[in-house]
Amino acid sequence: MHIALTGPMTLSLLEPELGSEIPSSGFPFPGTSQLVLDYLRAGHEVTAITTGFDIAEPVRRSSGRLEVLVLPSRSRGRARAFDFFREERHAITGALDAAEPDVIHAHWTYEFGLAARAAAAPALVSVHDWAPAIARLNRHPYWYFRWVMQVACLARRGALVAPSSYIADRVQRWYRQPCAVIPNGVDLAAYTTVVPSHRPVVAMLNVGFTDRKNVETGLRAWPAVRQAHPEAVLALAGPDFEPGGVADRWAREHDLAAGVRFLGPLDPDAVPAFLGDAALFLHTSREESFGVVLVEAMAAGLPVIVGADSGAAPDVVRPAGLAIDVCDPGAVARAVEELLSDPQRRERMSRSGREVAAAYAVERSSAAHLALLREVAGSRRTGTMEQA
């Protein structure tokens, strides 16, 4: 089967398979790249199509059954949003049609999902988030444009899949479309030797210092944690969390940088070591459609703290995680203090978390996606699955 996978992806993960470098940084989304590799290992031909802000002309690399195409994207968010990513969508659709795949797997219901729906081949679109919730939390016009794009994508009939019932239920309720549920997968082998630290280090790993990710509440809670545990360290990783970056500057302006370590973006292969340096994982995000990082933390044996009302997060970690009000700095501080003070409870949560994480093995997720893609590809020949 020839699969065209389109979406944001971490291009560095594909370079070993290609045997050459790709002159674009791509996006911090290793999950889509992992699916590309898994589809290849299952014996399929894969055309991976993504975009990049740092190139002026298309970049194409190929080796064996893998072809990677990076299309230039406008760097200004306003320019992209005002015409609903028209240039990017048309370029992606053209590339998909030129590839002539048996089936398309598109990720996110914005430029990639819309482009796939406009292409000739049958497409499975992964609904990775819920735009109304993100727009309300981020409160930026850009996300209201994205919301309109999601409405346009989901209003078109075609196969859909979501990583959690939290998302699938909303798709079915508001758009009257079937939506399969296949949880995201994690490469558990990378975490088999990771042992949580006994030092009072609390890890947070997020993409962006935004209202949605709500790291600000974790920072506001930290002085109270340090009163009970003076040696405690809050380790912040991800884009916006580099030394001197936006989160670092905000923390210093509010006198909240004491005991906080700013590490910045991590390569995917550095995540296990980062988690292994911590005693527990704090995730104050106010909205999650799934939360791969939660599974990674549990796979590393870390007790996990999440928001009780943060979308799919409490369901992903149940029964191994602790669900609290992550918008209340006092509640966050108390939860962290209690776990740092109770190594036996941390050990119980660690064992339980590894058991929960085992259900999210990447092999299981990839196999389920491939089975659904075969069904979607078959619909082209039989004329079935117009809505499945």
Protein backbone atom coordinates (compact mmCIF):
# COMPACT_ATOMS: atom_id res chain seq x y z
CA MET A 1 0.00 0.00 0.00
CA HIS A 2 1.23 3.48 -0.87
CA ILE A 3 0.43 5.87 2.00
CA ALA A 4 0.80 9.63 1.80
CA LEU A 5 1.15 10.98 5.32
CA THR A 6 0.80 14.73 5.65
CA GLY A 7 1.10 16.88 8.74
CA PRO A 8 3.65 18.65 10.92
CA MET A 9 6.54 16.34 11.75
CA THR A 10 9.99 16.17 13.32
CA LEU A 11 12.15 15.81 10.23
CA SER A 12 15.33 14.87 12.08
CA LEU A 13 13.75 11.51 12.95
CA LEU A 14 13.46 10.69 9.25
CA GLU A 15 17.03 11.59 8.31
CA PRO A 16 18.59 8.24 9.35
CA GLU A 17 16.10 6.43 7.11
CA LEU A 18 16.93 8.76 4.22
CA GLY A 19 20.67 8.74 4.82
CA SER A 20 20.82 12.49 4.31
CA GLU A 21 19.98 15.73 6.09
CA ILE A 22 16.82 17.74 5.43
CA PRO A 23 17.53 21.50 5.37
CA SER A 24 14.45 22.40 7.40
CA SER A 25 13.80 22.24 11.12
CA GLY A 26 10.24 20.98 10.70
CA PHE A 27 7.99 20.94 13.76
CA PRO A 28 8.20 19.48 17.29
CA PHE A 29 5.77 16.66 16.49
CA PRO A 30 7.67 13.34 16.63
CA GLY A 31 4.48 11.27 16.67
CA THR A 32 3.78 11.79 12.98
CA SER A 33 7.38 10.98 12.10
CA GLN A 34 7.13 7.80 14.16
CA LEU A 35 4.07 6.73 12.17
CA VAL A 36 6.01 7.27 8.93
CA LEU A 37 8.73 4.94 10.20
CA ASP A 38 6.23 2.37 11.47
CA TYR A 39 4.39 2.31 8.13
CA LEU A 40 7.72 1.73 6.39
CA ARG A 41 8.64 -1.11 8.75
CA ALA A 42 5.29 -2.71 8.01
CA GLY A 43 6.34 -2.92 4.35
CA HIS A 44 4.45 0.03 2.88
CA GLU A 45 5.59 2.80 0.56
CA VAL A 46 5.33 6.21 2.25
CA THR A 47 5.31 9.74 0.88
CA ALA A 48 5.66 12.18 3.79
CA ILE A 49 4.50 15.72 3.02
CA THR A 50 4.96 18.60 5.45
CA THR A 51 5.73 22.33 5.47
CA GLY A 52 8.54 24.52 6.77
CA PHE A 53 8.94 28.20 7.59
CA ASP A 54 12.68 28.14 6.93
CA ILE A 55 12.79 27.22 3.22
CA ALA A 56 12.01 29.22 0.08
CA GLU A 57 11.66 26.31 -2.35
CA PRO A 58 10.32 22.75 -1.97
CA VAL A 59 12.80 20.24 -0.59
CA ARG A 60 12.58 16.62 -1.70
CA ARG A 61 14.52 13.65 -0.34
CA SER A 62 13.99 9.98 -1.07
CA SER A 63 15.47 6.60 -0.27
CA GLY A 64 13.95 3.20 -0.91
CA ARG A 65 10.24 3.23 -0.11
CA LEU A 66 10.35 6.65 1.59
CA GLU A 67 9.97 10.03 -0.04
CA VAL A 68 9.90 13.24 2.02
CA LEU A 69 8.63 16.52 0.60
CA VAL A 70 8.88 19.78 2.56
CA LEU A 71 6.87 22.65 1.12
CA PRO A 72 7.58 26.31 1.97
CA SER A 73 5.11 28.01 4.30
CA ARG A 74 4.68 31.69 5.03
CA SER A 75 6.37 32.61 8.30
CA ARG A 76 3.83 35.22 9.40
CA GLY A 77 0.88 33.69 11.20
CA ARG A 78 -1.37 36.61 10.25
CA ALA A 79 -0.72 36.12 6.53
CA ARG A 80 -1.51 32.41 6.79
CA ALA A 81 -4.62 32.91 8.89
CA PHE A 82 -6.24 35.70 6.88
CA ASP A 83 -6.68 33.48 3.82
CA PHE A 84 -7.10 30.30 5.86
CA PHE A 85 -3.70 28.91 4.74
CA ARG A 86 -4.82 29.03 1.11
CA GLU A 87 -1.30 28.91 -0.38
CA GLU A 88 -0.22 26.09 1.91
CA ARG A 89 -3.41 24.08 1.33
CA HIS A 90 -3.18 24.31 -2.45
CA ALA A 91 0.49 23.28 -2.41
CA ILE A 92 -0.21 20.28 -0.15
CA THR A 93 -3.17 19.14 -2.26
CA GLY A 94 -1.07 19.41 -5.42
CA ALA A 95 1.69 17.34 -3.85
CA LEU A 96 -0.79 14.71 -2.66
CA ASP A 97 -2.32 14.37 -6.11
CA ALA A 98 1.11 14.19 -7.74
CA ALA A 99 2.11 11.35 -5.38
CA GLU A 100 -0.94 9.27 -6.44
CA PRO A 101 -1.15 7.29 -3.18
CA ASP A 102 -3.64 4.56 -2.40
CA VAL A 103 -4.67 6.42 0.74
CA ILE A 104 -3.85 9.62 2.63
CA HIS A 105 -3.33 9.95 6.37
CA ALA A 106 -3.66 13.65 7.28
CA HIS A 107 -2.89 15.01 10.73
CA TRP A 108 -4.83 17.89 12.28
CA THR A 109 -8.02 19.36 10.85
CA TYR A 110 -6.48 22.57 9.54
CA GLU A 111 -4.32 23.07 6.44
CA PHE A 112 -3.31 19.41 6.26
CA GLY A 113 -6.78 17.97 6.82
CA LEU A 114 -8.42 20.41 4.42
CA ALA A 115 -5.78 19.73 1.77
CA ALA A 116 -6.34 15.99 2.10
CA ARG A 117 -10.10 16.37 1.74
CA ALA A 118 -9.51 18.29 -1.52
CA ALA A 119 -7.18 15.61 -2.93
CA ALA A 120 -8.24 12.78 -5.22
CA ALA A 121 -7.24 9.84 -3.01
CA PRO A 122 -9.39 8.72 -0.06
CA ALA A 123 -8.19 10.22 3.20
CA LEU A 124 -8.20 9.44 6.89
CA VAL A 125 -7.99 12.64 8.95
CA SER A 126 -6.68 12.52 12.52
CA VAL A 127 -8.49 15.00 14.78
CA HIS A 128 -5.76 15.87 17.26
CA ASP A 129 -7.45 18.74 19.09
CA TRP A 130 -10.71 20.58 19.67
CA ALA A 131 -10.46 24.08 18.19
CA PRO A 132 -13.27 25.72 20.22
CA ALA A 133 -11.52 24.87 23.48
CA ILE A 134 -8.12 26.01 22.22
CA ALA A 135 -9.52 29.29 20.88
CA ARG A 136 -11.19 30.06 24.21
CA LEU A 137 -8.01 29.32 26.14
CA ASN A 138 -5.51 31.07 23.87
CA ARG A 139 -7.75 34.09 23.22
CA HIS A 140 -5.93 35.09 20.05
CA PRO A 141 -7.60 35.87 16.69
CA TYR A 142 -5.32 33.34 14.99
CA TRP A 143 -7.10 30.50 16.75
CA TYR A 144 -10.53 31.72 15.72
CA PHE A 145 -9.40 31.43 12.11
CA ARG A 146 -8.18 27.91 12.92
CA TRP A 147 -11.57 27.15 14.45
CA VAL A 148 -13.26 28.08 11.15
CA MET A 149 -10.83 25.77 9.33
CA GLN A 150 -11.70 22.89 11.64
CA VAL A 151 -15.41 23.45 11.04
CA ALA A 152 -14.80 23.37 7.27
CA CYS A 153 -12.75 20.17 7.54
CA LEU A 154 -15.13 18.27 9.80
CA ALA A 155 -18.18 19.35 7.81
CA ARG A 156 -16.84 17.38 4.84
CA ARG A 157 -17.68 13.70 4.85
CA GLY A 158 -14.82 11.28 5.20
CA ALA A 159 -13.02 8.94 7.56
CA LEU A 160 -11.99 10.40 10.92
CA VAL A 161 -9.95 9.17 13.86
CA ALA A 162 -9.16 10.77 17.22
CA PRO A 163 -6.68 9.89 19.97
CA SER A 164 -9.31 9.91 22.73
CA SER A 165 -13.02 9.56 23.40
CA TYR A 166 -12.92 13.14 24.65
CA ILE A 167 -12.35 14.34 21.06
CA ALA A 168 -14.35 11.64 19.26
CA ASP A 169 -17.45 12.29 21.35
CA ARG A 170 -17.39 15.98 20.42
CA VAL A 171 -16.91 15.25 16.74
CA GLN A 172 -19.86 12.88 16.74
CA ARG A 173 -22.07 15.22 18.78
CA TRP A 174 -21.43 18.39 16.77
CA TYR A 175 -20.80 17.04 13.28
CA ARG A 176 -22.87 13.85 13.26
CA GLN A 177 -19.93 11.93 11.86
CA PRO A 178 -18.48 8.61 13.04
CA CYS A 179 -15.03 9.02 14.53
CA ALA A 180 -12.83 6.08 15.46
CA VAL A 181 -10.65 6.21 18.58
CA ILE A 182 -7.01 5.11 18.38
CA PRO A 183 -4.79 6.39 21.22
CA ASN A 184 -1.43 7.87 20.33
CA GLY A 185 1.48 5.52 20.80
CA VAL A 186 4.80 5.80 22.62
CA ASP A 187 8.02 3.85 22.02
CA LEU A 188 8.10 2.16 25.42
CA ALA A 189 11.47 0.51 24.71
CA ALA A 190 13.15 3.87 25.21
CA TYR A 191 11.96 3.94 28.83
CA THR A 192 12.63 0.40 30.05
CA THR A 193 15.88 1.37 31.79
CA VAL A 194 14.70 4.75 33.12
CA VAL A 195 14.50 4.94 36.92
CA PRO A 196 12.93 8.00 38.59
CA SER A 197 15.27 10.17 40.62
CA HIS A 198 15.08 10.37 44.41
CA ARG A 199 16.09 14.02 44.24
CA PRO A 200 13.24 16.57 44.61
CA VAL A 201 13.13 17.47 40.92
CA VAL A 202 9.74 18.12 39.31
CA ALA A 203 9.65 17.95 35.51
CA MET A 204 7.39 19.87 33.12
CA LEU A 205 7.60 19.45 29.34
CA ASN A 206 5.39 21.63 27.14
CA VAL A 207 5.20 23.09 23.65
CA GLY A 208 4.90 26.80 24.38
CA PHE A 209 4.39 29.17 27.31
CA THR A 210 0.69 29.70 26.58
CA ASP A 211 -2.55 30.14 28.51
CA ARG A 212 -3.55 26.66 27.42
CA LYS A 213 -0.40 25.01 28.77
CA ASN A 214 -0.78 27.07 31.96
CA VAL A 215 2.83 26.69 33.13
CA GLU A 216 2.37 30.06 34.83
CA THR A 217 0.35 28.34 37.57
CA GLY A 218 3.17 25.88 38.18
CA LEU A 219 5.59 28.79 38.56
CA ARG A 220 3.24 30.60 40.94
CA ALA A 221 2.98 27.44 43.04
CA TRP A 222 6.73 26.93 43.24
CA PRO A 223 7.60 29.30 46.14
CA ALA A 224 5.20 27.36 48.39
CA VAL A 225 6.77 24.07 47.31
CA ARG A 226 10.22 25.47 48.10
CA GLN A 227 9.11 26.46 51.59
CA ALA A 228 8.40 22.81 52.36
CA HIS A 229 11.26 21.44 50.22
CA PRO A 230 14.04 24.07 49.95
CA GLU A 231 16.13 21.85 47.66
CA ALA A 232 13.31 21.26 45.18
CA VAL A 233 13.95 22.11 41.51
CA LEU A 234 11.35 22.75 38.83
CA ALA A 235 12.80 21.65 35.47
CA LEU A 236 11.04 23.26 32.49
CA ALA A 237 11.67 21.97 28.96
CA GLY A 238 10.24 22.67 25.53
CA PRO A 239 9.97 25.64 23.15
CA ASP A 240 9.74 28.98 25.04
CA PHE A 241 11.53 27.48 28.06
CA GLU A 242 15.14 28.10 27.04
CA PRO A 243 17.42 30.20 29.30
CA GLY A 244 16.56 33.83 28.62
CA GLY A 245 13.40 32.81 26.74
CA VAL A 246 9.87 34.08 27.21
CA ALA A 247 9.11 31.87 30.23
CA ASP A 248 12.44 32.65 31.90
CA ARG A 249 11.88 36.39 31.46
CA TRP A 250 8.34 36.17 32.79
CA ALA A 251 9.48 34.24 35.86
CA ARG A 252 12.21 36.76 36.64
CA GLU A 253 9.84 39.70 36.18
CA HIS A 254 7.50 38.12 38.73
CA ASP A 255 10.29 37.02 41.10
CA LEU A 256 9.44 33.34 40.53
CA ALA A 257 12.70 32.03 39.05
CA ALA A 258 14.27 30.71 42.28
CA GLY A 259 14.69 26.96 42.11
CA VAL A 260 13.60 26.84 38.46
CA ARG A 261 15.76 25.37 35.71
CA PHE A 262 15.03 26.45 32.13
CA LEU A 263 16.23 23.85 29.62
CA GLY A 264 14.55 24.77 26.33
CA PRO A 265 13.58 22.39 23.50
CA LEU A 266 14.66 18.75 23.72
CA ASP A 267 15.49 16.33 20.93
CA PRO A 268 13.06 13.39 21.09
CA ASP A 269 15.84 11.00 22.11
CA ALA A 270 16.71 13.28 25.06
CA VAL A 271 13.26 13.02 26.66
CA PRO A 272 13.87 9.73 28.56
CA ALA A 273 16.98 11.13 30.25
CA PHE A 274 15.16 14.37 31.09
CA LEU A 275 12.35 12.43 32.75
CA GLY A 276 14.80 10.11 34.49
CA ASP A 277 16.32 13.11 36.29
CA ALA A 278 12.98 13.87 37.98
CA ALA A 279 11.00 12.46 40.89
CA LEU A 280 7.59 13.36 39.47
CA PHE A 281 5.90 14.99 36.49
CA LEU A 282 3.64 18.04 36.71
CA HIS A 283 1.30 18.86 33.82
CA THR A 284 -0.78 21.98 34.43
CA SER A 285 -2.24 22.13 30.91
CA ARG A 286 -5.87 23.22 30.90
CA GLU A 287 -6.76 21.27 27.75
CA GLU A 288 -5.40 18.04 26.29
CA SER A 289 -6.86 15.91 23.52
CA PHE A 290 -4.56 13.10 24.67
CA GLY A 291 -1.14 14.05 26.05
CA VAL A 292 1.69 11.85 24.75
CA VAL A 293 4.03 13.38 27.32
CA LEU A 294 1.83 11.93 30.07
CA VAL A 295 2.36 8.42 28.71
CA GLU A 296 6.09 9.10 28.37
CA ALA A 297 6.24 10.21 32.00
CA MET A 298 4.34 7.14 33.20
CA ALA A 299 6.54 4.89 31.05
CA ALA A 300 9.54 6.45 32.81
CA GLY A 301 7.98 5.55 36.16
CA LEU A 302 7.14 9.10 37.22
CA PRO A 303 4.04 9.88 39.27
CA VAL A 304 1.95 12.29 37.21
CA ILE A 305 -0.15 15.28 38.29
CA VAL A 306 -2.77 16.50 35.78
CA GLY A 307 -5.84 18.72 35.67
CA ALA A 308 -9.11 17.13 36.70
CA ASP A 309 -10.92 19.15 34.02
CA SER A 310 -8.16 19.18 31.39
CA GLY A 311 -9.84 17.34 28.54
CA ALA A 312 -8.59 13.79 28.07
CA ALA A 313 -5.68 14.09 30.54
CA PRO A 314 -7.34 12.48 33.60
CA ASP A 315 -8.62 9.57 31.49
CA VAL A 316 -5.17 8.94 30.00
CA VAL A 317 -3.46 8.65 33.41
CA ARG A 318 -6.28 6.98 35.33
CA PRO A 319 -5.82 5.19 37.73
CA ALA A 320 -2.12 5.97 38.03
CA GLY A 321 -2.16 9.78 38.11
CA LEU A 322 -3.30 12.47 40.49
CA ALA A 323 -6.01 14.79 39.08
CA ILE A 324 -6.36 18.22 40.71
CA ASP A 325 -7.42 21.82 40.02
CA VAL A 326 -4.41 22.96 38.00
CA CYS A 327 -5.68 26.54 37.84
CA ASP A 328 -5.19 26.91 41.62
CA PRO A 329 -1.52 27.48 42.61
CA GLY A 330 -2.34 26.37 46.15
CA ALA A 331 -3.75 23.05 44.98
CA VAL A 332 -0.75 22.51 42.71
CA ALA A 333 1.69 23.27 45.54
CA ARG A 334 -0.09 20.92 47.95
CA ALA A 335 -0.11 18.05 45.45
CA VAL A 336 3.60 18.45 44.69
CA GLU A 337 4.50 18.79 48.38
CA GLU A 338 2.53 15.67 49.32
CA LEU A 339 4.18 13.52 46.67
CA LEU A 340 7.68 14.80 47.36
CA SER A 341 7.12 13.98 51.05
CA ASP A 342 5.84 10.45 50.44
CA PRO A 343 8.34 8.21 48.59
CA GLN A 344 6.22 5.11 49.20
CA ARG A 345 3.23 6.69 47.48
CA ARG A 346 5.46 7.75 44.61
CA GLU A 347 6.67 4.18 44.27
CA ARG A 348 3.10 2.84 44.14
CA MET A 349 2.16 5.43 41.52
CA SER A 350 5.30 4.59 39.57
CA ARG A 351 4.39 0.90 39.32
CA SER A 352 0.81 1.71 38.42
CA GLY A 353 1.91 4.26 35.82
CA ARG A 354 4.14 1.79 34.00
CA GLU A 355 1.22 -0.63 33.81
CA VAL A 356 -1.05 2.07 32.36
CA ALA A 357 1.62 3.17 29.86
CA ALA A 358 1.94 -0.38 28.53
CA ALA A 359 -1.49 0.00 26.91
CA TYR A 360 -0.14 2.84 24.75
CA ALA A 361 2.66 0.97 22.98
CA VAL A 362 3.46 2.55 19.62
CA GLU A 363 3.24 -0.82 17.88
CA ARG A 364 -0.39 -1.17 18.94
CA SER A 365 -1.27 2.34 17.78
CA SER A 366 0.46 1.95 14.41
CA ALA A 367 -1.19 -1.41 13.72
CA ALA A 368 -4.62 0.03 14.47
CA HIS A 369 -4.01 3.01 12.18
CA LEU A 370 -2.84 0.72 9.38
CA ALA A 371 -5.95 -1.44 9.69
CA LEU A 372 -8.13 1.66 9.38
CA LEU A 373 -6.09 2.97 6.44
CA ARG A 374 -6.56 -0.34 4.59
CA GLU A 375 -10.30 0.01 5.10
CA VAL A 376 -10.26 3.60 3.83
CA ALA A 377 -8.13 2.63 0.82
CA GLY A 378 -10.56 -0.18 0.05
CA SER A 379 -13.45 2.30 0.03
CA ARG A 380 -12.10 3.76 -3.22
CA ARG A 381 -12.66 0.45 -4.94
CA THR A 382 -15.97 -0.49 -3.30
CA GLY A 383 -17.52 2.96 -2.85
CA THR A 384 -18.13 2.30 0.86
CA MET A 385 -17.07 4.18 4.01
CA GLU A 386 -18.34 7.55 2.88
CA GLN A 387 -18.76 8.50 6.52
CA ALA A 388 -16.58 6.02 8.39
